[in-house]
C-alpha atoms as a PDB file:
ATOM      1  CA  UNK A   1      -1.179  38.545 -49.531  1.00  0.00           C
ATOM      2  CA  UNK A   2      -0.622  41.051 -52.363  1.00  0.00           C
ATOM      3  CA  UNK A   3       2.262  42.593 -50.436  1.00  0.00           C
ATOM      4  CA  UNK A   4       3.843  39.173 -49.959  1.00  0.00           C
ATOM      5  CA  UNK A   5       3.533  38.340 -53.684  1.00  0.00           C
ATOM      6  CA  UNK A   6       4.905  41.737 -54.639  1.00  0.00           C
ATOM      7  CA  UNK A   7       7.832  41.320 -52.241  1.00  0.00           C
ATOM      8  CA  UNK A   8       8.591  37.827 -53.604  1.00  0.00           C
ATOM      9  CA  UNK A   9       8.483  39.121 -57.182  1.00  0.00           C
ATOM     10  CA  UNK A  10      10.727  42.047 -56.244  1.00  0.00           C
ATOM     11  CA  UNK A  11      13.279  39.684 -54.689  1.00  0.00           C
ATOM     12  CA  UNK A  12      13.305  37.425 -57.765  1.00  0.00           C
ATOM     13  CA  UNK A  13      13.716  40.373 -60.139  1.00  0.00           C
ATOM     14  CA  UNK A  14      16.418  41.950 -57.970  1.00  0.00           C
ATOM     15  CA  UNK A  15      18.314  38.677 -57.738  1.00  0.00           C
ATOM     16  CA  UNK A  16      18.245  38.164 -61.495  1.00  0.00           C
ATOM     17  CA  UNK A  17      19.350  41.733 -62.203  1.00  0.00           C
ATOM     18  CA  UNK A  18      22.084  41.563 -59.601  1.00  0.00           C
ATOM     19  CA  UNK A  19      23.467  38.293 -60.942  1.00  0.00           C
ATOM     20  CA  UNK A  20      23.358  39.677 -64.478  1.00  0.00           C
ATOM     21  CA  UNK A  21      25.295  42.798 -63.565  1.00  0.00           C
ATOM     22  CA  UNK A  22      27.921  41.224 -61.337  1.00  0.00           C
ATOM     23  CA  UNK A  23      29.954  38.646 -63.220  1.00  0.00           C
ATOM     24  CA  UNK A  24      32.425  36.527 -61.343  1.00  0.00           C
ATOM     25  CA  UNK A  25      34.974  36.369 -64.152  1.00  0.00           C
ATOM     26  CA  UNK A  26      36.128  38.053 -67.340  1.00  0.00           C
ATOM     27  CA  UNK A  27      34.813  35.012 -69.197  1.00  0.00           C
ATOM     28  CA  UNK A  28      31.189  35.395 -68.058  1.00  0.00           C
ATOM     29  CA  UNK A  29      30.396  37.612 -71.063  1.00  0.00           C
ATOM     30  CA  UNK A  30      31.766  38.544 -74.460  1.00  0.00           C
ATOM     31  CA  UNK A  31      30.924  41.289 -76.910  1.00  0.00           C
ATOM     32  CA  UNK A  32      30.576  41.311 -80.694  1.00  0.00           C
ATOM     33  CA  UNK A  33      30.511  44.738 -82.357  1.00  0.00           C
ATOM     34  CA  UNK A  34      29.138  44.646 -85.888  1.00  0.00           C
ATOM     35  CA  UNK A  35      30.137  47.775 -87.753  1.00  0.00           C
ATOM     36  CA  UNK A  36      27.814  47.059 -90.689  1.00  0.00           C
ATOM     37  CA  UNK A  37      24.861  46.607 -88.329  1.00  0.00           C
ATOM     38  CA  UNK A  38      25.806  49.527 -86.049  1.00  0.00           C
ATOM     39  CA  UNK A  39      25.170  47.156 -83.149  1.00  0.00           C
ATOM     40  CA  UNK A  40      26.987  45.845 -80.086  1.00  0.00           C
ATOM     41  CA  UNK A  41      25.806  42.352 -79.154  1.00  0.00           C
ATOM     42  CA  UNK A  42      26.301  41.020 -75.632  1.00  0.00           C
ATOM     43  CA  UNK A  43      26.532  37.257 -75.052  1.00  0.00           C
ATOM     44  CA  UNK A  44      27.043  35.124 -71.968  1.00  0.00           C
ATOM     45  CA  UNK A  45      29.658  32.399 -71.630  1.00  0.00           C
ATOM     46  CA  UNK A  46      27.124  29.854 -72.936  1.00  0.00           C
ATOM     47  CA  UNK A  47      26.879  31.811 -76.222  1.00  0.00           C
ATOM     48  CA  UNK A  48      23.379  32.982 -75.362  1.00  0.00           C
ATOM     49  CA  UNK A  49      22.458  36.428 -76.633  1.00  0.00           C
ATOM     50  CA  UNK A  50      21.628  38.774 -73.758  1.00  0.00           C
ATOM     51  CA  UNK A  51      21.283  42.254 -75.227  1.00  0.00           C
ATOM     52  CA  UNK A  52      21.958  44.514 -78.185  1.00  0.00           C
ATOM     53  CA  UNK A  53      22.954  48.160 -78.106  1.00  0.00           C
ATOM     54  CA  UNK A  54      23.061  50.636 -80.992  1.00  0.00           C
ATOM     55  CA  UNK A  55      26.550  52.051 -81.599  1.00  0.00           C
ATOM     56  CA  UNK A  56      28.420  54.457 -83.856  1.00  0.00           C
ATOM     57  CA  UNK A  57      32.047  54.718 -84.871  1.00  0.00           C
ATOM     58  CA  UNK A  58      34.556  57.151 -86.343  1.00  0.00           C
ATOM     59  CA  UNK A  59      34.853  57.297 -90.098  1.00  0.00           C
ATOM     60  CA  UNK A  60      31.742  56.827 -92.263  1.00  0.00           C
ATOM     61  CA  UNK A  61      33.412  54.301 -94.583  1.00  0.00           C
ATOM     62  CA  UNK A  62      33.534  51.779 -91.687  1.00  0.00           C
ATOM     63  CA  UNK A  63      36.832  50.341 -92.918  1.00  0.00           C
ATOM     64  CA  UNK A  64      39.438  48.782 -90.645  1.00  0.00           C
ATOM     65  CA  UNK A  65      41.755  51.166 -88.811  1.00  0.00           C
ATOM     66  CA  UNK A  66      44.881  51.814 -90.866  1.00  0.00           C
ATOM     67  CA  UNK A  67      46.786  54.374 -88.795  1.00  0.00           C
ATOM     68  CA  UNK A  68      46.480  57.017 -86.096  1.00  0.00           C
ATOM     69  CA  UNK A  69      44.212  59.878 -87.109  1.00  0.00           C
ATOM     70  CA  UNK A  70      42.193  58.083 -89.801  1.00  0.00           C
ATOM     71  CA  UNK A  71      39.113  58.013 -87.525  1.00  0.00           C
ATOM     72  CA  UNK A  72      38.496  54.358 -88.354  1.00  0.00           C
ATOM     73  CA  UNK A  73      37.504  51.756 -85.793  1.00  0.00           C
ATOM     74  CA  UNK A  74      39.889  48.781 -85.656  1.00  0.00           C
ATOM     75  CA  UNK A  75      38.689  45.270 -86.427  1.00  0.00           C
ATOM     76  CA  UNK A  76      39.827  42.196 -84.555  1.00  0.00           C
ATOM     77  CA  UNK A  77      39.726  40.618 -81.132  1.00  0.00           C
ATOM     78  CA  UNK A  78      40.430  42.875 -78.179  1.00  0.00           C
ATOM     79  CA  UNK A  79      39.939  42.845 -74.424  1.00  0.00           C
ATOM     80  CA  UNK A  80      38.795  45.456 -71.937  1.00  0.00           C
ATOM     81  CA  UNK A  81      41.949  46.552 -70.119  1.00  0.00           C
ATOM     82  CA  UNK A  82      40.563  49.376 -68.010  1.00  0.00           C
ATOM     83  CA  UNK A  83      37.417  51.219 -67.009  1.00  0.00           C
ATOM     84  CA  UNK A  84      37.039  54.800 -65.894  1.00  0.00           C
ATOM     85  CA  UNK A  85      34.591  57.626 -65.623  1.00  0.00           C
ATOM     86  CA  UNK A  86      35.184  60.069 -68.456  1.00  0.00           C
ATOM     87  CA  UNK A  87      34.584  63.802 -68.197  1.00  0.00           C
ATOM     88  CA  UNK A  88      33.366  64.092 -71.802  1.00  0.00           C
ATOM     89  CA  UNK A  89      31.803  60.722 -72.675  1.00  0.00           C
ATOM     90  CA  UNK A  90      30.387  59.475 -69.363  1.00  0.00           C
ATOM     91  CA  UNK A  91      32.175  56.111 -69.055  1.00  0.00           C
ATOM     92  CA  UNK A  92      35.128  54.641 -70.931  1.00  0.00           C
ATOM     93  CA  UNK A  93      36.009  50.961 -71.355  1.00  0.00           C
ATOM     94  CA  UNK A  94      39.557  50.923 -72.723  1.00  0.00           C
ATOM     95  CA  UNK A  95      40.508  48.209 -75.212  1.00  0.00           C
ATOM     96  CA  UNK A  96      43.957  46.690 -75.672  1.00  0.00           C
ATOM     97  CA  UNK A  97      44.423  48.169 -79.147  1.00  0.00           C
ATOM     98  CA  UNK A  98      46.926  47.793 -80.691  1.00  0.00           C
ATOM     99  CA  UNK A  99      47.237  44.035 -80.261  1.00  0.00           C
ATOM    100  CA  UNK A 100      49.938  41.885 -81.861  1.00  0.00           C
ATOM    101  CA  UNK A 101      47.519  41.176 -84.723  1.00  0.00           C
ATOM    102  CA  UNK A 102      46.896  44.924 -85.182  1.00  0.00           C
ATOM    103  CA  UNK A 103      50.628  45.636 -85.238  1.00  0.00           C
ATOM    104  CA  UNK A 104      51.226  42.915 -87.850  1.00  0.00           C
ATOM    105  CA  UNK A 105      48.465  44.334 -90.090  1.00  0.00           C
ATOM    106  CA  UNK A 106      49.828  47.861 -89.641  1.00  0.00           C
ATOM    107  CA  UNK A 107      53.413  46.858 -90.464  1.00  0.00           C
ATOM    108  CA  UNK A 108      52.302  44.865 -93.501  1.00  0.00           C
ATOM    109  CA  UNK A 109      50.219  47.739 -94.837  1.00  0.00           C
ATOM    110  CA  UNK A 110      53.088  50.143 -94.239  1.00  0.00           C
ATOM    111  CA  UNK A 111      55.562  47.844 -96.024  1.00  0.00           C
ATOM    112  CA  UNK A 112      53.145  47.548 -98.963  1.00  0.00           C
ATOM    113  CA  UNK A 113      52.822  51.326 -99.216  1.00  0.00           C
ATOM    114  CA  UNK A 114      49.114  51.275 -98.295  1.00  0.00           C
ATOM    115  CA  UNK A 115      49.680  53.873 -95.585  1.00  0.00           C
ATOM    116  CA  UNK A 116      52.082  56.803 -95.276  1.00  0.00           C
ATOM    117  CA  UNK A 117      55.648  55.918 -94.314  1.00  0.00           C
ATOM    118  CA  UNK A 118      55.552  58.231 -91.299  1.00  0.00           C
ATOM    119  CA  UNK A 119      52.182  56.965 -90.007  1.00  0.00           C
ATOM    120  CA  UNK A 120      51.824  55.690 -86.457  1.00  0.00           C
ATOM    121  CA  UNK A 121      49.473  52.940 -85.336  1.00  0.00           C
ATOM    122  CA  UNK A 122      47.686  54.957 -82.650  1.00  0.00           C
ATOM    123  CA  UNK A 123      45.902  53.761 -79.536  1.00  0.00           C
ATOM    124  CA  UNK A 124      43.409  54.844 -76.875  1.00  0.00           C
ATOM    125  CA  UNK A 125      40.556  52.910 -78.491  1.00  0.00           C
ATOM    126  CA  UNK A 126      37.576  52.001 -76.361  1.00  0.00           C
ATOM    127  CA  UNK A 127      33.839  51.870 -75.874  1.00  0.00           C
ATOM    128  CA  UNK A 128      32.307  55.051 -74.492  1.00  0.00           C
ATOM    129  CA  UNK A 129      29.226  57.230 -74.268  1.00  0.00           C
ATOM    130  CA  UNK A 130      28.363  60.408 -76.132  1.00  0.00           C
ATOM    131  CA  UNK A 131      28.776  64.075 -75.375  1.00  0.00           C
ATOM    132  CA  UNK A 132      26.185  65.206 -72.816  1.00  0.00           C
ATOM    133  CA  UNK A 133      22.714  65.430 -74.378  1.00  0.00           C
ATOM    134  CA  UNK A 134      23.973  64.088 -77.718  1.00  0.00           C
ATOM    135  CA  UNK A 135      22.656  60.527 -77.608  1.00  0.00           C
ATOM    136  CA  UNK A 136      20.819  61.477 -80.825  1.00  0.00           C
ATOM    137  CA  UNK A 137      24.098  60.809 -82.672  1.00  0.00           C
ATOM    138  CA  UNK A 138      23.591  57.129 -81.911  1.00  0.00           C
ATOM    139  CA  UNK A 139      19.923  57.220 -82.957  1.00  0.00           C
ATOM    140  CA  UNK A 140      20.910  58.844 -86.263  1.00  0.00           C
ATOM    141  CA  UNK A 141      23.991  56.636 -86.840  1.00  0.00           C
ATOM    142  CA  UNK A 142      26.212  59.716 -86.938  1.00  0.00           C
ATOM    143  CA  UNK A 143      29.788  58.491 -86.797  1.00  0.00           C
ATOM    144  CA  UNK A 144      31.805  61.031 -84.853  1.00  0.00           C
ATOM    145  CA  UNK A 145      34.564  59.376 -82.812  1.00  0.00           C
ATOM    146  CA  UNK A 146      38.297  59.204 -83.473  1.00  0.00           C
ATOM    147  CA  UNK A 147      37.991  55.432 -83.894  1.00  0.00           C
ATOM    148  CA  UNK A 148      36.186  54.329 -80.750  1.00  0.00           C
ATOM    149  CA  UNK A 149      32.826  52.618 -80.395  1.00  0.00           C
ATOM    150  CA  UNK A 150      30.219  54.967 -78.933  1.00  0.00           C
ATOM    151  CA  UNK A 151      26.756  54.246 -77.571  1.00  0.00           C
ATOM    152  CA  UNK A 152      24.161  56.124 -75.558  1.00  0.00           C
ATOM    153  CA  UNK A 153      25.273  57.093 -72.064  1.00  0.00           C
ATOM    154  CA  UNK A 154      22.632  54.941 -70.364  1.00  0.00           C
ATOM    155  CA  UNK A 155      23.876  51.914 -72.329  1.00  0.00           C
ATOM    156  CA  UNK A 156      27.551  52.530 -71.694  1.00  0.00           C
ATOM    157  CA  UNK A 157      26.751  52.722 -67.960  1.00  0.00           C
ATOM    158  CA  UNK A 158      25.071  49.293 -68.154  1.00  0.00           C
ATOM    159  CA  UNK A 159      28.074  47.839 -69.958  1.00  0.00           C
ATOM    160  CA  UNK A 160      30.491  49.546 -67.572  1.00  0.00           C
ATOM    161  CA  UNK A 161      28.717  48.042 -64.555  1.00  0.00           C
ATOM    162  CA  UNK A 162      28.354  44.628 -66.150  1.00  0.00           C
ATOM    163  CA  UNK A 163      31.617  43.868 -67.923  1.00  0.00           C
ATOM    164  CA  UNK A 164      34.795  43.230 -65.975  1.00  0.00           C
ATOM    165  CA  UNK A 165      38.300  44.028 -67.119  1.00  0.00           C
ATOM    166  CA  UNK A 166      39.462  41.200 -69.359  1.00  0.00           C
ATOM    167  CA  UNK A 167      36.149  40.771 -71.204  1.00  0.00           C
ATOM    168  CA  UNK A 168      36.661  39.833 -74.868  1.00  0.00           C
ATOM    169  CA  UNK A 169      35.419  42.324 -77.478  1.00  0.00           C
ATOM    170  CA  UNK A 170      35.382  41.281 -81.132  1.00  0.00           C
ATOM    171  CA  UNK A 171      34.904  44.062 -83.704  1.00  0.00           C
ATOM    172  CA  UNK A 172      33.811  42.828 -87.129  1.00  0.00           C
ATOM    173  CA  UNK A 173      33.042  44.622 -90.417  1.00  0.00           C
END
């Protein structure tokens, strides 16, 4: 009887984990990254909170990305446009930065003289893991990236397996 109960419990747990990790559409989940809270929040399509992950960024001032090389993490609404294993940072979920909104902000700031005339907008922004054996950077809120969102390797693997291409990612101050 104990074996039967254990087996039934195992099936229920496996089914719930499997359904959680295998969405059927890009709209099954969305992500909010709060720079001030150093946290990535995962929600389902019914706006129910599912999980939170600690994250770090590039520049310590946590301002919006102005131009390529400033090490700031962009703010706005983005989407996952690709996923790949990464030789340095475990997994990489590429975001569609720069978006039209990002380009408009960049051009406006450039026209207003807020950024150097020769500055470029940059790209290659995403969510990724840490250097091998350096998850402590996340624990200590050590911002180190060139503008990406970084979390522990175990967490980025969960996100990588869970979130399909097309998932919305909103980065807020």
